[in-house]
């Protein structure tokens, strides 16, 4: 089992690499990753759940705008109490957001709750097996299995290539991503 210190160090390393991307480099990397993610998602049916960028995460708004323009239904998460899964509410570009828990913008409580068939997930760090490290609250590790109990779900990581770390430590509760879109490529993990 990986130590907390090991995960903290890996998280800090990936955040530092992500933070170093500035200006045109960040803009160009976001545009390229958006193109890869769009190609991987397009054609999927049902709601696409994504996120609002927190800190200096890759910004999914260009991807969400492109998906909405192609007629895809979108949703954003509402952050629950610790220990609970995320709740996704319907949302479209231009609709108002409110400040939720942890001060992250989210749809208002009157927006309908939906169960996405695609999740665009923001890893802090990831590896080629599809494992990810987030901020440590485990929201996606609880949410993905819950959604999969209802229907198949494509869990697509969306990140900068510099966030890749070889061989992240994985625990039994960690849920690997089905693919990761970066500015360089779509990474599809080999089946175990």
N, C-alpha and C. Protein backbone atom coordinates (compact mmCIF):
# COMPACT_ATOMS: atom_id res chain seq x y z
N UNK A 1 0.85 -1.17 0.00
CA UNK A 1 0.00 0.00 0.00
C UNK A 1 0.89 1.24 0.00
N UNK A 2 0.62 2.21 -0.89
CA UNK A 2 1.47 3.40 -0.95
C UNK A 2 1.29 4.25 0.31
N UNK A 3 2.36 4.90 0.70
CA UNK A 3 2.27 5.77 1.87
C UNK A 3 1.61 7.08 1.48
N UNK A 4 1.06 7.75 2.48
CA UNK A 4 0.46 9.06 2.25
C UNK A 4 1.53 10.02 1.75
N UNK A 5 2.73 9.93 2.32
CA UNK A 5 3.83 10.81 1.90
C UNK A 5 4.17 10.60 0.42
N UNK A 6 4.14 9.34 -0.04
CA UNK A 6 4.44 9.04 -1.43
C UNK A 6 3.41 9.69 -2.35
N UNK A 7 2.12 9.55 -2.03
CA UNK A 7 1.07 10.16 -2.86
C UNK A 7 1.16 11.68 -2.83
N UNK A 8 1.44 12.24 -1.67
CA UNK A 8 1.57 13.70 -1.55
C UNK A 8 2.71 14.20 -2.43
N UNK A 9 3.83 13.51 -2.41
CA UNK A 9 4.98 13.92 -3.23
C UNK A 9 4.67 13.82 -4.72
N UNK A 10 3.99 12.75 -5.14
CA UNK A 10 3.62 12.61 -6.55
C UNK A 10 2.62 13.69 -6.97
N UNK A 11 1.66 13.97 -6.10
CA UNK A 11 0.67 15.02 -6.36
C UNK A 11 1.37 16.37 -6.52
N UNK A 12 2.29 16.68 -5.61
CA UNK A 12 3.01 17.96 -5.67
C UNK A 12 3.84 18.06 -6.95
N UNK A 13 4.48 16.96 -7.34
CA UNK A 13 5.29 16.95 -8.57
C UNK A 13 4.43 17.26 -9.80
N UNK A 14 3.26 16.63 -9.89
CA UNK A 14 2.38 16.85 -11.03
C UNK A 14 1.80 18.27 -11.03
N UNK A 15 1.44 18.76 -9.85
CA UNK A 15 0.89 20.13 -9.76
C UNK A 15 1.95 21.14 -10.19
N UNK A 16 3.18 20.92 -9.78
CA UNK A 16 4.27 21.83 -10.15
C UNK A 16 4.48 21.83 -11.67
N UNK A 17 4.46 20.65 -12.28
CA UNK A 17 4.63 20.55 -13.74
C UNK A 17 3.47 21.23 -14.46
N UNK A 18 2.26 21.01 -13.97
CA UNK A 18 1.07 21.62 -14.57
C UNK A 18 1.10 23.13 -14.44
N UNK A 19 1.53 23.62 -13.29
CA UNK A 19 1.59 25.07 -13.04
C UNK A 19 2.63 25.76 -13.91
N UNK A 20 3.65 25.02 -14.34
CA UNK A 20 4.72 25.62 -15.16
C UNK A 20 4.25 25.95 -16.58
N UNK A 21 3.15 25.34 -17.02
CA UNK A 21 2.62 25.64 -18.36
C UNK A 21 1.95 27.00 -18.33
N UNK A 22 2.45 27.92 -19.12
CA UNK A 22 1.93 29.29 -19.11
C UNK A 22 1.65 29.77 -20.53
N UNK A 23 0.86 30.81 -20.63
CA UNK A 23 0.65 31.55 -21.87
C UNK A 23 0.28 30.71 -23.07
N UNK A 24 1.02 30.93 -24.17
CA UNK A 24 0.73 30.24 -25.43
C UNK A 24 0.91 28.73 -25.31
N UNK A 25 1.89 28.29 -24.53
CA UNK A 25 2.09 26.84 -24.34
C UNK A 25 0.85 26.21 -23.74
N UNK A 26 0.29 26.84 -22.71
CA UNK A 26 -0.92 26.32 -22.06
C UNK A 26 -2.10 26.37 -23.03
N UNK A 27 -2.25 27.49 -23.73
CA UNK A 27 -3.35 27.64 -24.68
C UNK A 27 -3.28 26.58 -25.78
N UNK A 28 -2.11 26.41 -26.36
CA UNK A 28 -1.94 25.44 -27.44
C UNK A 28 -2.14 24.00 -26.95
N UNK A 29 -1.63 23.70 -25.75
CA UNK A 29 -1.79 22.36 -25.19
C UNK A 29 -3.27 22.08 -24.89
N UNK A 30 -3.98 23.08 -24.38
CA UNK A 30 -5.41 22.91 -24.11
C UNK A 30 -6.17 22.66 -25.41
N UNK A 31 -5.86 23.42 -26.45
CA UNK A 31 -6.54 23.24 -27.74
C UNK A 31 -6.28 21.85 -28.31
N UNK A 32 -5.05 21.37 -28.24
CA UNK A 32 -4.73 20.04 -28.78
C UNK A 32 -5.41 18.94 -27.96
N UNK A 33 -5.39 19.06 -26.63
CA UNK A 33 -6.05 18.07 -25.78
C UNK A 33 -7.56 18.08 -26.01
N UNK A 34 -8.11 19.26 -26.24
CA UNK A 34 -9.54 19.38 -26.54
C UNK A 34 -9.88 18.62 -27.81
N UNK A 35 -9.06 18.76 -28.84
CA UNK A 35 -9.28 18.03 -30.08
C UNK A 35 -9.25 16.52 -29.89
N UNK A 36 -8.29 16.03 -29.10
CA UNK A 36 -8.21 14.59 -28.83
C UNK A 36 -9.42 14.10 -28.03
N UNK A 37 -9.80 14.88 -27.01
CA UNK A 37 -10.95 14.48 -26.19
C UNK A 37 -12.24 14.49 -27.01
N UNK A 38 -12.40 15.50 -27.85
CA UNK A 38 -13.59 15.60 -28.68
C UNK A 38 -13.71 14.40 -29.62
N UNK A 39 -12.60 14.01 -30.21
CA UNK A 39 -12.60 12.85 -31.11
C UNK A 39 -12.96 11.57 -30.36
N UNK A 40 -12.52 11.45 -29.11
CA UNK A 40 -12.79 10.23 -28.32
C UNK A 40 -14.24 10.18 -27.83
N UNK A 41 -14.82 11.36 -27.52
CA UNK A 41 -16.17 11.42 -26.95
C UNK A 41 -17.24 11.44 -28.02
N UNK A 42 -16.99 12.14 -29.11
CA UNK A 42 -18.04 12.34 -30.12
C UNK A 42 -18.60 11.00 -30.56
N UNK A 43 -19.91 10.93 -30.65
CA UNK A 43 -20.56 9.68 -31.02
C UNK A 43 -21.16 8.96 -29.83
N UNK A 44 -20.75 9.32 -28.62
CA UNK A 44 -21.35 8.72 -27.42
C UNK A 44 -22.71 9.36 -27.17
N UNK A 45 -23.62 8.55 -26.66
CA UNK A 45 -24.97 9.02 -26.35
C UNK A 45 -25.06 9.40 -24.88
N UNK A 46 -26.09 10.17 -24.55
CA UNK A 46 -26.37 10.49 -23.17
C UNK A 46 -25.60 11.70 -22.67
N UNK A 47 -25.74 11.95 -21.39
CA UNK A 47 -25.11 13.12 -20.77
C UNK A 47 -23.60 12.92 -20.66
N UNK A 48 -22.89 14.02 -20.83
CA UNK A 48 -21.44 14.06 -20.63
C UNK A 48 -21.19 14.91 -19.39
N UNK A 49 -20.68 14.29 -18.36
CA UNK A 49 -20.34 15.00 -17.14
C UNK A 49 -18.90 15.47 -17.20
N UNK A 50 -18.68 16.71 -16.85
CA UNK A 50 -17.33 17.26 -16.87
C UNK A 50 -17.08 17.98 -15.55
N UNK A 51 -16.35 19.07 -15.58
CA UNK A 51 -15.98 19.78 -14.36
C UNK A 51 -15.67 21.23 -14.71
N UNK A 52 -15.63 22.08 -13.71
CA UNK A 52 -15.14 23.44 -13.85
C UNK A 52 -13.71 23.43 -13.32
N UNK A 53 -12.78 23.98 -14.09
CA UNK A 53 -11.36 23.94 -13.70
C UNK A 53 -11.16 24.55 -12.32
N UNK A 54 -10.37 23.85 -11.51
CA UNK A 54 -10.03 24.25 -10.15
C UNK A 54 -8.52 24.47 -10.13
N UNK A 55 -8.11 25.55 -9.51
CA UNK A 55 -6.70 25.92 -9.50
C UNK A 55 -6.22 26.04 -10.94
N UNK A 56 -5.17 25.32 -11.32
CA UNK A 56 -4.66 25.46 -12.70
C UNK A 56 -4.86 24.18 -13.50
N UNK A 57 -5.97 23.48 -13.23
CA UNK A 57 -6.33 22.31 -14.04
C UNK A 57 -6.52 22.75 -15.49
N UNK A 58 -6.38 21.82 -16.42
CA UNK A 58 -6.67 22.10 -17.82
C UNK A 58 -8.13 22.53 -17.91
N UNK A 59 -8.40 23.59 -18.66
CA UNK A 59 -9.73 24.16 -18.75
C UNK A 59 -10.60 23.36 -19.72
N UNK A 60 -11.69 22.74 -19.24
CA UNK A 60 -12.53 21.95 -20.14
C UNK A 60 -13.58 22.77 -20.89
N UNK A 61 -13.66 24.09 -20.65
CA UNK A 61 -14.73 24.87 -21.27
C UNK A 61 -14.69 24.86 -22.81
N UNK A 62 -13.52 24.94 -23.46
CA UNK A 62 -13.54 24.82 -24.93
C UNK A 62 -14.10 23.46 -25.39
N UNK A 63 -13.80 22.41 -24.66
CA UNK A 63 -14.33 21.08 -24.98
C UNK A 63 -15.84 21.07 -24.78
N UNK A 64 -16.32 21.61 -23.67
CA UNK A 64 -17.75 21.61 -23.39
C UNK A 64 -18.52 22.45 -24.41
N UNK A 65 -17.95 23.58 -24.81
CA UNK A 65 -18.61 24.41 -25.82
C UNK A 65 -18.69 23.67 -27.16
N UNK A 66 -17.62 22.97 -27.53
CA UNK A 66 -17.62 22.21 -28.79
C UNK A 66 -18.63 21.07 -28.72
N UNK A 67 -18.71 20.39 -27.60
CA UNK A 67 -19.67 19.30 -27.43
C UNK A 67 -21.11 19.82 -27.50
N UNK A 68 -21.36 20.94 -26.82
CA UNK A 68 -22.71 21.53 -26.85
C UNK A 68 -23.08 21.94 -28.28
N UNK A 69 -22.12 22.50 -29.02
CA UNK A 69 -22.39 22.90 -30.40
C UNK A 69 -22.74 21.71 -31.27
N UNK A 70 -22.27 20.52 -30.90
CA UNK A 70 -22.58 19.29 -31.64
C UNK A 70 -23.83 18.59 -31.12
N UNK A 71 -24.51 19.23 -30.17
CA UNK A 71 -25.77 18.70 -29.68
C UNK A 71 -25.70 17.78 -28.48
N UNK A 72 -24.53 17.66 -27.85
CA UNK A 72 -24.40 16.79 -26.67
C UNK A 72 -25.01 17.47 -25.44
N UNK A 73 -25.65 16.68 -24.60
CA UNK A 73 -26.18 17.15 -23.32
C UNK A 73 -25.05 17.09 -22.29
N UNK A 74 -24.93 18.14 -21.49
CA UNK A 74 -23.82 18.26 -20.54
C UNK A 74 -24.30 18.32 -19.10
N UNK A 75 -23.38 18.02 -18.21
CA UNK A 75 -23.65 18.10 -16.77
C UNK A 75 -22.36 18.46 -16.06
N UNK A 76 -22.51 19.09 -14.91
CA UNK A 76 -21.38 19.44 -14.05
C UNK A 76 -21.64 18.88 -12.66
N UNK A 77 -20.56 18.59 -11.92
CA UNK A 77 -20.75 18.02 -10.58
C UNK A 77 -21.04 19.08 -9.53
N UNK A 78 -21.76 18.62 -8.52
CA UNK A 78 -21.95 19.40 -7.30
C UNK A 78 -21.18 18.63 -6.23
N UNK A 79 -20.29 19.29 -5.56
CA UNK A 79 -19.43 18.62 -4.59
C UNK A 79 -20.22 18.29 -3.33
N UNK A 80 -20.28 17.02 -2.98
CA UNK A 80 -21.03 16.60 -1.78
C UNK A 80 -20.15 16.68 -0.53
N UNK A 81 -20.69 16.21 0.57
CA UNK A 81 -19.89 16.05 1.78
C UNK A 81 -18.83 14.99 1.52
N UNK A 82 -17.74 15.05 2.27
CA UNK A 82 -16.70 14.04 2.15
C UNK A 82 -17.28 12.65 2.40
N UNK A 83 -16.81 11.69 1.62
CA UNK A 83 -17.27 10.32 1.78
C UNK A 83 -18.45 9.97 0.90
N UNK A 84 -19.02 10.94 0.19
CA UNK A 84 -20.16 10.69 -0.69
C UNK A 84 -19.74 10.85 -2.15
N UNK A 85 -20.51 10.27 -3.08
CA UNK A 85 -20.19 10.45 -4.51
C UNK A 85 -20.63 11.82 -5.00
N UNK A 86 -20.09 12.20 -6.16
CA UNK A 86 -20.51 13.44 -6.80
C UNK A 86 -21.94 13.31 -7.29
N UNK A 87 -22.64 14.43 -7.33
CA UNK A 87 -23.97 14.52 -7.92
C UNK A 87 -23.83 15.41 -9.15
N UNK A 88 -24.28 14.91 -10.30
CA UNK A 88 -24.20 15.69 -11.54
C UNK A 88 -25.55 16.31 -11.85
N UNK A 89 -25.52 17.59 -12.23
CA UNK A 89 -26.73 18.31 -12.61
C UNK A 89 -26.57 18.82 -14.04
N UNK A 90 -27.67 18.80 -14.78
CA UNK A 90 -27.66 19.27 -16.17
C UNK A 90 -27.20 20.72 -16.22
N UNK A 91 -26.44 21.02 -17.27
CA UNK A 91 -25.89 22.37 -17.45
C UNK A 91 -25.56 22.55 -18.92
N UNK A 92 -25.61 23.79 -19.39
CA UNK A 92 -25.19 24.12 -20.76
C UNK A 92 -24.39 25.41 -20.71
N UNK A 93 -23.43 25.58 -21.64
CA UNK A 93 -22.65 26.83 -21.66
C UNK A 93 -23.58 28.04 -21.68
N UNK A 94 -23.23 29.01 -20.86
CA UNK A 94 -24.03 30.23 -20.74
C UNK A 94 -24.98 30.22 -19.57
N UNK A 95 -25.29 29.03 -19.03
CA UNK A 95 -26.17 28.96 -17.87
C UNK A 95 -25.41 29.35 -16.60
N UNK A 96 -26.12 29.98 -15.69
CA UNK A 96 -25.51 30.47 -14.46
C UNK A 96 -25.03 29.33 -13.58
N UNK A 97 -23.95 29.59 -12.87
CA UNK A 97 -23.42 28.67 -11.87
C UNK A 97 -23.41 29.38 -10.53
N UNK A 98 -23.45 28.61 -9.45
CA UNK A 98 -23.35 29.17 -8.11
C UNK A 98 -22.08 28.63 -7.46
N UNK A 99 -21.66 29.26 -6.37
CA UNK A 99 -20.49 28.77 -5.63
C UNK A 99 -20.92 27.61 -4.74
N UNK A 100 -20.29 26.46 -4.95
CA UNK A 100 -20.62 25.29 -4.16
C UNK A 100 -19.61 25.08 -3.04
N UNK A 101 -19.68 23.88 -2.47
CA UNK A 101 -18.70 23.51 -1.44
C UNK A 101 -17.31 23.67 -2.03
N UNK A 102 -16.37 24.00 -1.23
CA UNK A 102 -14.99 24.19 -1.66
C UNK A 102 -14.86 25.35 -2.64
N UNK A 103 -15.92 26.18 -2.74
CA UNK A 103 -15.90 27.40 -3.55
C UNK A 103 -15.76 27.14 -5.05
N UNK A 104 -16.16 25.95 -5.50
CA UNK A 104 -16.09 25.60 -6.92
C UNK A 104 -17.45 25.86 -7.55
N UNK A 105 -17.49 26.55 -8.70
CA UNK A 105 -18.79 26.81 -9.35
C UNK A 105 -19.48 25.50 -9.75
N UNK A 106 -20.81 25.49 -9.58
CA UNK A 106 -21.61 24.32 -9.91
C UNK A 106 -23.02 24.77 -10.28
N UNK A 107 -23.79 23.88 -10.94
CA UNK A 107 -25.17 24.23 -11.26
C UNK A 107 -26.00 24.45 -9.99
N UNK A 108 -27.04 25.26 -10.07
CA UNK A 108 -27.89 25.50 -8.90
C UNK A 108 -28.72 24.26 -8.54
N UNK A 109 -29.25 24.21 -7.33
CA UNK A 109 -29.99 23.03 -6.87
C UNK A 109 -31.24 22.72 -7.70
N UNK A 110 -31.78 23.69 -8.41
CA UNK A 110 -32.97 23.42 -9.22
C UNK A 110 -32.65 22.74 -10.56
N UNK A 111 -31.38 22.69 -10.93
CA UNK A 111 -31.00 21.98 -12.17
C UNK A 111 -31.22 20.48 -11.97
N UNK A 112 -31.75 19.79 -12.97
CA UNK A 112 -32.05 18.36 -12.81
C UNK A 112 -30.80 17.52 -12.56
N UNK A 113 -30.94 16.54 -11.68
CA UNK A 113 -29.87 15.56 -11.44
C UNK A 113 -29.89 14.56 -12.59
N UNK A 114 -28.70 14.25 -13.13
CA UNK A 114 -28.58 13.31 -14.25
C UNK A 114 -27.48 12.30 -13.94
N UNK A 115 -27.50 11.20 -14.69
CA UNK A 115 -26.48 10.15 -14.55
C UNK A 115 -25.70 10.09 -15.85
N UNK A 116 -24.53 10.74 -15.92
CA UNK A 116 -23.77 10.80 -17.17
C UNK A 116 -23.31 9.42 -17.67
N UNK A 117 -23.23 9.30 -18.99
CA UNK A 117 -22.69 8.11 -19.63
C UNK A 117 -21.21 8.29 -19.98
N UNK A 118 -20.75 9.55 -19.96
CA UNK A 118 -19.35 9.88 -20.16
C UNK A 118 -18.94 10.82 -19.03
N UNK A 119 -17.78 10.58 -18.45
CA UNK A 119 -17.22 11.49 -17.45
C UNK A 119 -15.88 11.99 -17.95
N UNK A 120 -15.72 13.30 -17.97
CA UNK A 120 -14.43 13.93 -18.25
C UNK A 120 -13.84 14.25 -16.88
N UNK A 121 -12.75 13.55 -16.56
CA UNK A 121 -12.18 13.56 -15.21
C UNK A 121 -10.86 14.32 -15.20
N UNK A 122 -10.66 15.22 -14.22
CA UNK A 122 -9.41 15.97 -14.14
C UNK A 122 -8.38 15.33 -13.20
N UNK A 123 -7.51 14.46 -13.68
CA UNK A 123 -6.51 13.91 -12.76
C UNK A 123 -5.46 14.96 -12.40
N UNK A 124 -4.95 14.87 -11.20
CA UNK A 124 -3.77 15.67 -10.86
C UNK A 124 -2.55 15.00 -11.47
N UNK A 125 -2.50 13.68 -11.36
CA UNK A 125 -1.44 12.88 -11.99
C UNK A 125 -2.09 11.61 -12.53
N UNK A 126 -1.47 11.02 -13.55
CA UNK A 126 -2.00 9.79 -14.13
C UNK A 126 -0.85 8.95 -14.65
N UNK A 127 -1.13 7.66 -14.88
CA UNK A 127 -0.14 6.80 -15.53
C UNK A 127 -0.78 6.10 -16.72
N UNK A 128 0.00 5.35 -17.45
CA UNK A 128 -0.48 4.70 -18.68
C UNK A 128 -1.38 3.50 -18.42
N UNK A 129 -1.52 3.10 -17.17
CA UNK A 129 -2.47 2.04 -16.84
C UNK A 129 -3.87 2.62 -16.62
N UNK A 130 -3.96 3.95 -16.61
CA UNK A 130 -5.24 4.61 -16.38
C UNK A 130 -5.47 5.02 -14.95
N UNK A 131 -4.52 4.73 -14.07
CA UNK A 131 -4.68 5.14 -12.67
C UNK A 131 -4.40 6.63 -12.53
N UNK A 132 -5.07 7.22 -11.56
CA UNK A 132 -4.96 8.66 -11.36
C UNK A 132 -4.84 8.97 -9.87
N UNK A 133 -4.27 10.12 -9.61
CA UNK A 133 -4.30 10.70 -8.28
C UNK A 133 -5.04 12.02 -8.43
N UNK A 134 -6.02 12.23 -7.56
CA UNK A 134 -6.72 13.51 -7.52
C UNK A 134 -6.22 14.31 -6.33
N UNK A 135 -7.14 15.04 -5.72
CA UNK A 135 -6.76 15.84 -4.55
C UNK A 135 -6.89 15.06 -3.25
N UNK A 136 -7.33 13.79 -3.34
CA UNK A 136 -7.32 12.94 -2.16
C UNK A 136 -8.68 12.69 -1.51
N UNK A 137 -9.76 13.27 -2.04
CA UNK A 137 -11.07 13.09 -1.42
C UNK A 137 -11.79 11.84 -1.92
N UNK A 138 -11.35 11.25 -3.04
CA UNK A 138 -11.94 10.01 -3.53
C UNK A 138 -13.29 10.15 -4.21
N UNK A 139 -13.69 11.36 -4.60
CA UNK A 139 -15.02 11.57 -5.19
C UNK A 139 -15.23 10.73 -6.45
N UNK A 140 -14.27 10.74 -7.37
CA UNK A 140 -14.46 9.99 -8.62
C UNK A 140 -14.38 8.49 -8.39
N UNK A 141 -13.56 8.04 -7.44
CA UNK A 141 -13.48 6.61 -7.14
C UNK A 141 -14.80 6.08 -6.58
N UNK A 142 -15.60 6.94 -5.96
CA UNK A 142 -16.93 6.54 -5.49
C UNK A 142 -17.98 6.72 -6.58
N UNK A 143 -17.84 7.76 -7.39
CA UNK A 143 -18.87 8.11 -8.38
C UNK A 143 -18.89 7.17 -9.57
N UNK A 144 -17.73 6.82 -10.11
CA UNK A 144 -17.68 5.98 -11.32
C UNK A 144 -18.37 4.64 -11.10
N UNK A 145 -18.07 3.88 -10.04
CA UNK A 145 -18.78 2.60 -9.84
C UNK A 145 -20.29 2.78 -9.64
N UNK A 146 -20.68 3.86 -8.97
CA UNK A 146 -22.10 4.11 -8.76
C UNK A 146 -22.81 4.32 -10.10
N UNK A 147 -22.22 5.11 -10.99
CA UNK A 147 -22.81 5.33 -12.31
C UNK A 147 -22.82 4.03 -13.12
N UNK A 148 -21.74 3.26 -13.03
CA UNK A 148 -21.65 2.00 -13.79
C UNK A 148 -22.64 0.96 -13.30
N UNK A 149 -23.18 1.12 -12.12
CA UNK A 149 -24.24 0.23 -11.66
C UNK A 149 -25.54 0.48 -12.43
N UNK A 150 -25.64 1.65 -13.08
CA UNK A 150 -26.84 2.01 -13.87
C UNK A 150 -26.66 1.75 -15.36
N UNK A 151 -25.45 2.01 -15.87
CA UNK A 151 -25.18 1.88 -17.31
C UNK A 151 -23.67 1.97 -17.56
N UNK A 152 -23.23 1.57 -18.76
CA UNK A 152 -21.80 1.73 -19.08
C UNK A 152 -21.39 3.20 -19.04
N UNK A 153 -20.17 3.45 -18.59
CA UNK A 153 -19.64 4.82 -18.49
C UNK A 153 -18.23 4.85 -19.05
N UNK A 154 -17.97 5.79 -19.94
CA UNK A 154 -16.62 6.08 -20.40
C UNK A 154 -16.02 7.11 -19.45
N UNK A 155 -14.96 6.74 -18.74
CA UNK A 155 -14.25 7.67 -17.85
C UNK A 155 -12.99 8.13 -18.57
N UNK A 156 -13.02 9.38 -19.04
CA UNK A 156 -11.93 9.95 -19.84
C UNK A 156 -11.17 10.99 -19.04
N UNK A 157 -9.90 10.71 -18.75
CA UNK A 157 -9.07 11.71 -18.12
C UNK A 157 -8.76 12.83 -19.10
N UNK A 158 -8.64 14.04 -18.60
CA UNK A 158 -8.36 15.22 -19.42
C UNK A 158 -7.27 15.99 -18.70
N UNK A 159 -6.05 15.99 -19.28
CA UNK A 159 -4.90 16.53 -18.56
C UNK A 159 -3.79 16.93 -19.53
N UNK A 160 -2.82 17.63 -19.00
CA UNK A 160 -1.62 17.94 -19.76
C UNK A 160 -0.67 16.74 -19.69
N UNK A 161 0.09 16.52 -20.74
CA UNK A 161 1.02 15.39 -20.80
C UNK A 161 2.04 15.43 -19.66
N UNK A 162 2.40 16.62 -19.19
CA UNK A 162 3.39 16.75 -18.12
C UNK A 162 2.89 16.19 -16.79
N UNK A 163 1.62 15.85 -16.69
CA UNK A 163 1.06 15.29 -15.46
C UNK A 163 1.23 13.77 -15.40
N UNK A 164 1.76 13.19 -16.47
CA UNK A 164 1.97 11.74 -16.48
C UNK A 164 3.13 11.36 -15.58
N UNK A 165 2.90 10.34 -14.77
CA UNK A 165 3.93 9.79 -13.88
C UNK A 165 3.93 8.28 -14.07
N UNK A 166 5.09 7.72 -14.30
CA UNK A 166 5.19 6.27 -14.53
C UNK A 166 4.82 5.51 -13.27
N UNK A 167 3.92 4.54 -13.42
CA UNK A 167 3.61 3.61 -12.33
C UNK A 167 3.11 4.23 -11.05
N UNK A 168 2.00 4.95 -11.11
CA UNK A 168 1.41 5.47 -9.88
C UNK A 168 1.02 4.33 -8.95
N UNK A 169 1.14 4.53 -7.66
CA UNK A 169 0.68 3.49 -6.74
C UNK A 169 -0.84 3.40 -6.80
N UNK A 170 -1.36 2.18 -6.85
CA UNK A 170 -2.81 1.97 -6.91
C UNK A 170 -3.24 1.12 -5.73
N UNK A 171 -4.41 1.46 -5.21
CA UNK A 171 -5.00 0.69 -4.12
C UNK A 171 -6.27 0.02 -4.63
N UNK A 172 -6.82 -0.88 -3.84
CA UNK A 172 -7.98 -1.67 -4.28
C UNK A 172 -9.19 -0.79 -4.60
N UNK A 173 -9.34 0.37 -3.97
CA UNK A 173 -10.49 1.23 -4.21
C UNK A 173 -10.29 2.18 -5.40
N UNK A 174 -9.08 2.23 -5.96
CA UNK A 174 -8.81 3.14 -7.08
C UNK A 174 -9.44 2.61 -8.36
N UNK A 175 -10.16 3.46 -9.06
CA UNK A 175 -10.84 3.09 -10.30
C UNK A 175 -10.06 3.68 -11.47
N UNK A 176 -9.50 2.83 -12.34
CA UNK A 176 -8.72 3.37 -13.46
C UNK A 176 -9.62 4.03 -14.51
N UNK A 177 -9.04 4.98 -15.21
CA UNK A 177 -9.72 5.65 -16.32
C UNK A 177 -9.70 4.74 -17.54
N UNK A 178 -10.68 4.92 -18.43
CA UNK A 178 -10.72 4.15 -19.67
C UNK A 178 -9.77 4.70 -20.72
N UNK A 179 -9.48 5.99 -20.65
CA UNK A 179 -8.57 6.65 -21.58
C UNK A 179 -8.20 8.00 -20.97
N UNK A 180 -7.10 8.57 -21.47
CA UNK A 180 -6.68 9.90 -21.04
C UNK A 180 -6.36 10.71 -22.28
N UNK A 181 -6.96 11.90 -22.39
CA UNK A 181 -6.69 12.81 -23.49
C UNK A 181 -5.70 13.87 -23.02
N UNK A 182 -4.57 13.96 -23.71
CA UNK A 182 -3.59 15.02 -23.46
C UNK A 182 -3.36 15.75 -24.78
N UNK A 183 -2.50 16.74 -24.75
CA UNK A 183 -2.19 17.46 -25.98
C UNK A 183 -1.41 16.60 -26.97
N UNK A 184 -0.77 15.55 -26.50
CA UNK A 184 0.04 14.69 -27.37
C UNK A 184 -0.74 13.55 -28.00
N UNK A 185 -1.71 13.00 -27.24
CA UNK A 185 -2.33 11.75 -27.67
C UNK A 185 -3.52 11.39 -26.81
N UNK A 186 -4.18 10.32 -27.26
CA UNK A 186 -5.16 9.63 -26.42
C UNK A 186 -4.45 8.38 -25.92
N UNK A 187 -4.38 8.23 -24.62
CA UNK A 187 -3.76 7.06 -24.00
C UNK A 187 -4.88 6.09 -23.66
N UNK A 188 -4.80 4.88 -24.17
CA UNK A 188 -5.79 3.84 -23.85
C UNK A 188 -5.03 2.73 -23.12
N UNK A 189 -5.33 2.56 -21.83
CA UNK A 189 -4.62 1.53 -21.06
C UNK A 189 -4.84 0.14 -21.64
N UNK A 190 -3.82 -0.68 -21.52
CA UNK A 190 -3.93 -2.09 -21.91
C UNK A 190 -4.83 -2.79 -20.90
N UNK A 191 -5.68 -3.72 -21.36
CA UNK A 191 -6.49 -4.48 -20.41
C UNK A 191 -5.59 -5.31 -19.49
N UNK A 192 -6.01 -5.44 -18.24
CA UNK A 192 -5.21 -6.22 -17.26
C UNK A 192 -5.35 -7.70 -17.51
